[in-house]
Amino acid sequence: MKKKVIIIGVVTFIMLVIALYFTFIYYPTCEGLACFNGKLESCSKTHFLNDAADGVWNYKIKGKSGKSCEIYVEFLQAKVGEVEVANLEGKSMVCFTPLGTLISPQSDLKNCHGILKEEMQNLIIKKMHSYLMDNLGAVQDGLMGI
């Protein structure tokens, strides 16, 4: 009788550990963009490594958070661009997209939080400043016509 109770207890414990693992730790991996887009639209947990033209992005869909889908985004490697883009490597952020939508998580930075967002915004501001300084005459002429 004691052996039976111990065996049932051990089996129950193992089943609980397996259930917790698949619920909180395990993320199935998507091999292609079509798979990732399907998981993003349904906001299903998954992991996806996107080898895009600009660089390598790591995405982990965490699941639903209220009326949004929570996605961890990490920029792993820059492929093109200036040195400033390479400084984004290894930085991450968490983005929230509306449920049922199919948009790139980093396409709307106002819905993201983290170091990667801040660094991307700094890079955009630096590029805008540089553009304005290089084209100050043209911008001033355009403003005079208003």
Protein backbone atom coordinates (compact mmCIF):
# COMPACT_ATOMS: atom_id res chain seq x y z
CA MET A 1 0.00 0.00 0.00
CA LYS A 2 2.80 2.41 0.90
CA LYS A 3 4.63 1.62 -2.35
CA LYS A 4 1.49 2.37 -4.34
CA VAL A 5 1.06 5.79 -2.69
CA ILE A 6 4.73 6.65 -3.27
CA ILE A 7 4.53 5.61 -6.95
CA ILE A 8 1.35 7.66 -7.47
CA GLY A 9 3.00 10.65 -5.75
CA VAL A 10 6.14 10.40 -7.92
CA VAL A 11 4.11 10.04 -11.14
CA THR A 12 1.91 13.00 -10.14
CA PHE A 13 5.01 15.10 -9.40
CA ILE A 14 6.59 14.20 -12.76
CA MET A 15 3.37 15.07 -14.59
CA LEU A 16 3.21 18.41 -12.75
CA VAL A 17 6.82 19.26 -13.68
CA ILE A 18 6.15 18.37 -17.33
CA ALA A 19 2.97 20.47 -17.37
CA LEU A 20 4.79 23.46 -15.84
CA TYR A 21 7.64 23.11 -18.34
CA PHE A 22 5.35 23.16 -21.37
CA THR A 23 3.23 25.97 -19.91
CA PHE A 24 5.93 28.42 -18.81
CA ILE A 25 9.35 27.46 -20.22
CA TYR A 26 9.03 25.67 -23.56
CA TYR A 27 8.68 27.73 -26.76
CA PRO A 28 8.20 25.83 -30.03
CA THR A 29 10.48 27.11 -32.80
CA CYS A 30 9.24 28.43 -36.14
CA GLU A 31 11.51 27.69 -39.09
CA GLY A 32 9.99 30.22 -41.51
CA LEU A 33 8.30 33.58 -41.71
CA ALA A 34 4.94 32.02 -42.63
CA CYS A 35 4.93 29.97 -39.42
CA PHE A 36 5.91 33.02 -37.35
CA ASN A 37 3.22 35.19 -38.96
CA GLY A 38 0.59 32.56 -38.18
CA LYS A 39 1.72 32.38 -34.54
CA LEU A 40 1.85 36.19 -34.33
CA GLU A 41 -1.69 36.54 -35.66
CA SER A 42 -3.00 34.05 -33.09
CA CYS A 43 -0.51 35.22 -30.43
CA SER A 44 0.72 31.68 -29.76
CA LYS A 45 3.96 31.09 -27.91
CA THR A 46 6.88 30.57 -30.27
CA HIS A 47 10.50 31.40 -30.93
CA PHE A 48 11.72 32.66 -34.33
CA LEU A 49 15.13 33.70 -35.62
CA ASN A 50 14.58 36.08 -38.55
CA ASP A 51 17.57 36.36 -40.88
CA ALA A 52 16.41 39.57 -42.60
CA ALA A 53 18.21 41.78 -45.12
CA ASP A 54 19.15 44.40 -42.51
CA GLY A 55 20.19 41.98 -39.78
CA VAL A 56 19.32 39.00 -37.63
CA TRP A 57 16.38 39.43 -35.25
CA ASN A 58 15.35 37.11 -32.42
CA TYR A 59 11.63 37.02 -31.60
CA LYS A 60 9.89 35.25 -28.76
CA ILE A 61 6.11 35.52 -28.61
CA LYS A 62 5.32 35.36 -24.90
CA GLY A 63 1.53 35.28 -25.26
CA LYS A 64 -1.49 37.44 -24.55
CA SER A 65 -1.28 40.38 -22.20
CA GLY A 66 -4.68 42.03 -21.90
CA LYS A 67 -5.78 43.04 -25.42
CA SER A 68 -2.23 42.83 -26.76
CA CYS A 69 0.28 40.22 -27.79
CA GLU A 70 3.60 40.42 -25.89
CA ILE A 71 6.74 39.83 -27.97
CA TYR A 72 10.37 39.84 -26.87
CA VAL A 73 12.59 41.32 -29.62
CA GLU A 74 16.39 41.18 -29.73
CA PHE A 75 18.68 42.52 -32.46
CA LEU A 76 21.46 39.94 -32.80
CA GLN A 77 23.58 41.03 -35.76
CA ALA A 78 23.70 43.93 -38.20
CA LYS A 79 24.28 43.09 -41.86
CA VAL A 80 24.23 46.55 -43.43
CA GLY A 81 24.46 50.13 -42.23
CA GLU A 82 26.78 52.35 -40.29
CA VAL A 83 28.70 51.65 -37.12
CA GLU A 84 25.77 53.04 -35.12
CA VAL A 85 23.58 50.16 -36.34
CA ALA A 86 26.18 47.65 -35.13
CA ASN A 87 25.88 49.25 -31.67
CA LEU A 88 22.32 47.90 -31.51
CA GLU A 89 23.58 44.31 -31.49
CA GLY A 90 22.68 42.36 -28.38
CA LYS A 91 20.08 44.88 -27.21
CA SER A 92 16.46 43.92 -26.62
CA MET A 93 12.98 45.25 -25.95
CA VAL A 94 9.46 44.01 -25.32
CA CYS A 95 6.76 45.02 -27.80
CA PHE A 96 2.99 44.81 -27.63
CA THR A 97 0.94 44.40 -30.81
CA PRO A 98 -2.86 44.39 -31.03
CA LEU A 99 -4.32 40.88 -30.95
CA GLY A 100 -5.14 39.43 -34.35
CA THR A 101 -2.88 41.81 -36.30
CA LEU A 102 0.03 40.89 -38.50
CA ILE A 103 2.65 43.63 -38.11
CA SER A 104 6.35 43.56 -37.41
CA PRO A 105 6.76 44.07 -33.63
CA GLN A 106 9.43 46.76 -34.03
CA SER A 107 7.51 48.68 -36.72
CA ASP A 108 5.71 50.82 -34.11
CA LEU A 109 8.22 51.74 -31.40
CA LYS A 110 5.63 53.52 -29.24
CA ASN A 111 4.34 50.04 -28.31
CA CYS A 112 7.79 48.83 -27.23
CA HIS A 113 9.85 49.24 -24.04
CA GLY A 114 13.53 48.59 -23.48
CA ILE A 115 17.12 49.51 -24.34
CA LEU A 116 16.78 48.55 -28.01
CA LYS A 117 13.86 50.98 -28.43
CA GLU A 118 15.83 53.81 -26.83
CA GLU A 119 18.89 53.14 -28.98
CA MET A 120 16.80 52.93 -32.17
CA GLN A 121 15.14 56.25 -31.34
CA ASN A 122 18.55 57.85 -30.66
CA LEU A 123 19.78 56.61 -34.04
CA ILE A 124 16.70 58.06 -35.80
CA ILE A 125 17.21 61.43 -34.06
CA LYS A 126 20.91 61.50 -35.05
CA LYS A 127 20.05 60.73 -38.68
CA MET A 128 17.36 63.44 -38.73
CA HIS A 129 19.77 65.96 -37.23
CA SER A 130 22.43 65.06 -39.77
CA TYR A 131 19.94 65.35 -42.64
CA LEU A 132 18.75 68.75 -41.44
CA MET A 133 22.30 70.06 -41.08
CA ASP A 134 23.24 68.78 -44.54
CA ASN A 135 20.11 70.26 -46.15
CA LEU A 136 19.56 73.38 -44.05
CA GLY A 137 19.30 75.68 -47.05
CA ALA A 138 16.68 73.56 -48.80
CA VAL A 139 14.68 73.13 -45.59
CA GLN A 140 14.81 76.89 -44.93
CA ASP A 141 13.66 77.66 -48.48
CA GLY A 142 10.79 75.21 -48.06
CA LEU A 143 9.72 76.84 -44.80
CA MET A 144 9.82 80.32 -46.33
CA GLY A 145 7.15 79.26 -48.82
CA ILE A 146 4.65 78.49 -46.06
